[in-house]
């Protein structure tokens, strides 16, 4: 989902990952994903962005999305 200041009051994108069976999600979660024709995903995270027009629903974000030498912030969780 791409959130814009006009519709939502702020600019952000939702990023999902981790394919799962539809049985493991709740009806509201499935409805949210089906609204955008997205496969069932275990994790959905929202990230604020300055320009949401650079992103589309269903766009794949991978290493090629970054420029060599670009700095990024990485957060991890260990178990």
N, C-alpha and C. Protein backbone atom coordinates (compact mmCIF):
# COMPACT_ATOMS: atom_id res chain seq x y z
N UNK A 1 0.85 -1.17 0.00
CA UNK A 1 0.00 0.00 0.00
C UNK A 1 0.90 1.23 0.00
N UNK A 2 0.51 2.20 -0.80
CA UNK A 2 1.22 3.47 -0.85
C UNK A 2 0.32 4.52 -0.21
N UNK A 3 0.79 5.13 0.87
CA UNK A 3 0.01 6.13 1.58
C UNK A 3 0.53 7.52 1.21
N UNK A 4 -0.40 8.43 0.95
CA UNK A 4 -0.03 9.79 0.56
C UNK A 4 -0.62 10.80 1.53
N UNK A 5 -0.06 11.99 1.52
CA UNK A 5 -0.53 13.06 2.39
C UNK A 5 -1.99 13.40 2.09
N UNK A 6 -2.38 13.37 0.83
CA UNK A 6 -3.76 13.69 0.46
C UNK A 6 -4.76 12.72 1.07
N UNK A 7 -4.47 11.42 1.00
CA UNK A 7 -5.42 10.41 1.47
C UNK A 7 -5.27 10.07 2.94
N UNK A 8 -4.03 10.00 3.44
CA UNK A 8 -3.77 9.47 4.76
C UNK A 8 -3.16 10.47 5.74
N UNK A 9 -2.76 11.63 5.27
CA UNK A 9 -2.17 12.62 6.16
C UNK A 9 -0.66 12.53 6.29
N UNK A 10 -0.07 11.51 5.70
CA UNK A 10 1.39 11.36 5.73
C UNK A 10 1.81 10.48 4.56
N UNK A 11 3.09 10.51 4.22
CA UNK A 11 3.64 9.71 3.12
C UNK A 11 4.32 8.46 3.68
N UNK A 12 3.92 7.30 3.18
CA UNK A 12 4.53 6.05 3.63
C UNK A 12 4.24 4.95 2.62
N UNK A 13 5.01 3.87 2.73
CA UNK A 13 4.74 2.67 1.94
C UNK A 13 4.68 1.49 2.91
N UNK A 14 3.88 0.49 2.57
CA UNK A 14 3.84 -0.75 3.33
C UNK A 14 4.62 -1.79 2.55
N UNK A 15 5.53 -2.45 3.24
CA UNK A 15 6.36 -3.48 2.63
C UNK A 15 5.99 -4.80 3.29
N UNK A 16 5.74 -5.81 2.47
CA UNK A 16 5.39 -7.13 3.00
C UNK A 16 6.40 -8.17 2.55
N UNK A 17 6.56 -9.20 3.38
CA UNK A 17 7.47 -10.29 3.03
C UNK A 17 7.09 -11.53 3.80
N UNK A 18 7.56 -12.66 3.36
CA UNK A 18 7.29 -13.93 4.02
C UNK A 18 5.97 -14.54 3.58
N UNK A 19 5.97 -15.26 2.47
CA UNK A 19 4.75 -15.90 1.98
C UNK A 19 4.25 -16.94 2.98
N UNK A 20 2.93 -16.96 3.18
CA UNK A 20 2.31 -17.93 4.09
C UNK A 20 1.01 -18.44 3.46
N UNK A 21 0.46 -19.46 4.08
CA UNK A 21 -0.82 -19.99 3.67
C UNK A 21 -1.93 -19.02 4.10
N UNK A 22 -2.97 -18.86 3.31
CA UNK A 22 -4.07 -17.97 3.70
C UNK A 22 -4.74 -18.38 5.01
N UNK A 23 -4.62 -19.64 5.38
CA UNK A 23 -5.23 -20.13 6.63
C UNK A 23 -4.58 -19.52 7.86
N UNK A 24 -3.33 -19.07 7.74
CA UNK A 24 -2.62 -18.56 8.91
C UNK A 24 -2.86 -17.07 9.15
N UNK A 25 -3.67 -16.41 8.29
CA UNK A 25 -3.96 -14.99 8.45
C UNK A 25 -5.43 -14.81 8.86
N UNK A 26 -5.71 -13.69 9.50
CA UNK A 26 -7.08 -13.38 9.87
C UNK A 26 -7.83 -12.82 8.65
N UNK A 27 -9.15 -12.79 8.73
CA UNK A 27 -9.95 -12.25 7.63
C UNK A 27 -9.61 -10.79 7.32
N UNK A 28 -9.44 -9.91 8.34
CA UNK A 28 -9.07 -8.54 8.02
C UNK A 28 -7.71 -8.44 7.32
N UNK A 29 -6.75 -9.26 7.72
CA UNK A 29 -5.44 -9.25 7.07
C UNK A 29 -5.56 -9.71 5.62
N UNK A 30 -6.32 -10.79 5.39
CA UNK A 30 -6.51 -11.28 4.03
C UNK A 30 -7.23 -10.24 3.17
N UNK A 31 -8.24 -9.60 3.72
CA UNK A 31 -8.98 -8.58 2.98
C UNK A 31 -8.09 -7.42 2.58
N UNK A 32 -7.21 -7.00 3.49
CA UNK A 32 -6.29 -5.89 3.20
C UNK A 32 -5.37 -6.25 2.04
N UNK A 33 -4.86 -7.49 2.01
CA UNK A 33 -3.96 -7.91 0.95
C UNK A 33 -4.71 -8.16 -0.36
N UNK A 34 -5.91 -8.74 -0.28
CA UNK A 34 -6.68 -9.04 -1.49
C UNK A 34 -7.15 -7.76 -2.18
N UNK A 35 -7.35 -6.70 -1.40
CA UNK A 35 -7.75 -5.42 -1.98
C UNK A 35 -6.73 -4.93 -3.01
N UNK A 36 -5.47 -5.28 -2.80
CA UNK A 36 -4.39 -4.87 -3.71
C UNK A 36 -3.91 -6.02 -4.59
N UNK A 37 -4.64 -7.16 -4.57
CA UNK A 37 -4.24 -8.36 -5.33
C UNK A 37 -2.83 -8.81 -4.99
N UNK A 38 -2.55 -8.88 -3.69
CA UNK A 38 -1.24 -9.31 -3.21
C UNK A 38 -1.41 -10.69 -2.56
N UNK A 39 -0.40 -11.56 -2.74
CA UNK A 39 -0.43 -12.88 -2.13
C UNK A 39 -0.35 -12.75 -0.61
N UNK A 40 -0.80 -13.77 0.14
CA UNK A 40 -0.73 -13.72 1.61
C UNK A 40 0.72 -13.59 2.10
N UNK A 41 0.95 -12.59 2.92
CA UNK A 41 2.28 -12.32 3.46
C UNK A 41 2.23 -12.31 4.98
N UNK A 42 3.26 -12.87 5.59
CA UNK A 42 3.29 -12.97 7.05
C UNK A 42 3.56 -11.63 7.72
N UNK A 43 4.46 -10.86 7.15
CA UNK A 43 4.87 -9.60 7.78
C UNK A 43 4.52 -8.41 6.89
N UNK A 44 3.94 -7.38 7.49
CA UNK A 44 3.69 -6.11 6.82
C UNK A 44 4.30 -5.01 7.68
N UNK A 45 5.17 -4.23 7.12
CA UNK A 45 5.82 -3.13 7.84
C UNK A 45 5.62 -1.85 7.05
N UNK A 46 5.49 -0.76 7.77
CA UNK A 46 5.27 0.54 7.13
C UNK A 46 6.50 1.41 7.32
N UNK A 47 6.91 2.06 6.24
CA UNK A 47 8.07 2.94 6.27
C UNK A 47 7.68 4.29 5.70
N UNK A 48 8.02 5.34 6.41
CA UNK A 48 7.75 6.69 5.92
C UNK A 48 8.76 7.03 4.83
N UNK A 49 8.26 7.68 3.79
CA UNK A 49 9.10 8.10 2.67
C UNK A 49 8.81 9.56 2.34
N UNK A 50 9.76 10.22 1.71
CA UNK A 50 9.55 11.62 1.36
C UNK A 50 8.72 11.77 0.09
N UNK A 51 8.88 10.84 -0.87
CA UNK A 51 8.13 10.93 -2.12
C UNK A 51 7.52 9.56 -2.46
N UNK A 52 6.25 9.35 -2.14
CA UNK A 52 5.62 8.05 -2.41
C UNK A 52 5.38 7.79 -3.89
N UNK A 53 5.54 8.80 -4.74
CA UNK A 53 5.32 8.61 -6.17
C UNK A 53 6.38 7.73 -6.81
N UNK A 54 7.48 7.47 -6.10
CA UNK A 54 8.54 6.60 -6.61
C UNK A 54 8.20 5.12 -6.45
N UNK A 55 7.06 4.81 -5.80
CA UNK A 55 6.71 3.43 -5.49
C UNK A 55 5.34 3.08 -6.06
N UNK A 56 5.17 1.80 -6.43
CA UNK A 56 3.91 1.29 -6.94
C UNK A 56 3.50 0.07 -6.13
N UNK A 57 2.20 -0.20 -6.05
CA UNK A 57 1.71 -1.40 -5.37
C UNK A 57 2.20 -2.61 -6.14
N UNK A 58 2.79 -3.58 -5.43
CA UNK A 58 3.31 -4.79 -6.05
C UNK A 58 4.74 -4.70 -6.53
N UNK A 59 5.34 -3.53 -6.37
CA UNK A 59 6.74 -3.34 -6.79
C UNK A 59 7.65 -4.17 -5.90
N UNK A 60 8.64 -4.81 -6.52
CA UNK A 60 9.61 -5.61 -5.77
C UNK A 60 10.80 -4.72 -5.42
N UNK A 61 11.14 -4.69 -4.13
CA UNK A 61 12.32 -3.94 -3.67
C UNK A 61 13.45 -4.93 -3.46
N UNK A 62 14.55 -4.73 -4.15
CA UNK A 62 15.71 -5.60 -3.98
C UNK A 62 16.98 -4.75 -4.00
N UNK A 63 18.11 -5.40 -4.04
CA UNK A 63 19.40 -4.72 -3.98
C UNK A 63 19.57 -3.74 -5.14
N UNK A 64 18.98 -4.06 -6.28
CA UNK A 64 19.12 -3.21 -7.45
C UNK A 64 18.40 -1.87 -7.28
N UNK A 65 17.59 -1.74 -6.23
CA UNK A 65 16.89 -0.48 -5.96
C UNK A 65 17.83 0.57 -5.37
N UNK A 66 19.02 0.16 -4.95
CA UNK A 66 19.96 1.06 -4.31
C UNK A 66 21.12 1.38 -5.24
N UNK A 67 21.77 2.50 -4.97
CA UNK A 67 22.92 2.95 -5.75
C UNK A 67 24.19 2.59 -4.99
N UNK A 68 25.24 2.24 -5.68
CA UNK A 68 26.51 1.91 -5.04
C UNK A 68 26.99 3.08 -4.20
N UNK A 69 27.33 2.83 -2.95
CA UNK A 69 27.79 3.87 -2.04
C UNK A 69 26.67 4.55 -1.25
N UNK A 70 25.43 4.22 -1.55
CA UNK A 70 24.31 4.81 -0.82
C UNK A 70 24.26 4.26 0.60
N UNK A 71 24.00 5.13 1.55
CA UNK A 71 23.91 4.72 2.95
C UNK A 71 22.47 4.37 3.30
N UNK A 72 22.29 3.29 4.06
CA UNK A 72 20.96 2.88 4.50
C UNK A 72 21.01 2.57 5.98
N UNK A 73 19.87 2.63 6.65
CA UNK A 73 19.75 2.24 8.05
C UNK A 73 19.19 0.84 8.12
N UNK A 74 19.85 -0.03 8.88
CA UNK A 74 19.42 -1.42 9.01
C UNK A 74 19.13 -1.68 10.48
N UNK A 75 17.98 -2.29 10.74
CA UNK A 75 17.61 -2.68 12.10
C UNK A 75 17.37 -4.17 12.10
N UNK A 76 17.84 -4.86 13.11
CA UNK A 76 17.65 -6.30 13.18
C UNK A 76 17.13 -6.73 14.53
N UNK A 77 16.64 -7.94 14.54
CA UNK A 77 16.12 -8.53 15.77
C UNK A 77 16.74 -9.91 15.89
N UNK A 78 17.42 -10.18 16.97
CA UNK A 78 18.02 -11.48 17.16
C UNK A 78 17.14 -12.30 18.09
N UNK A 79 17.21 -13.60 17.93
CA UNK A 79 16.41 -14.49 18.77
C UNK A 79 17.28 -15.33 19.66
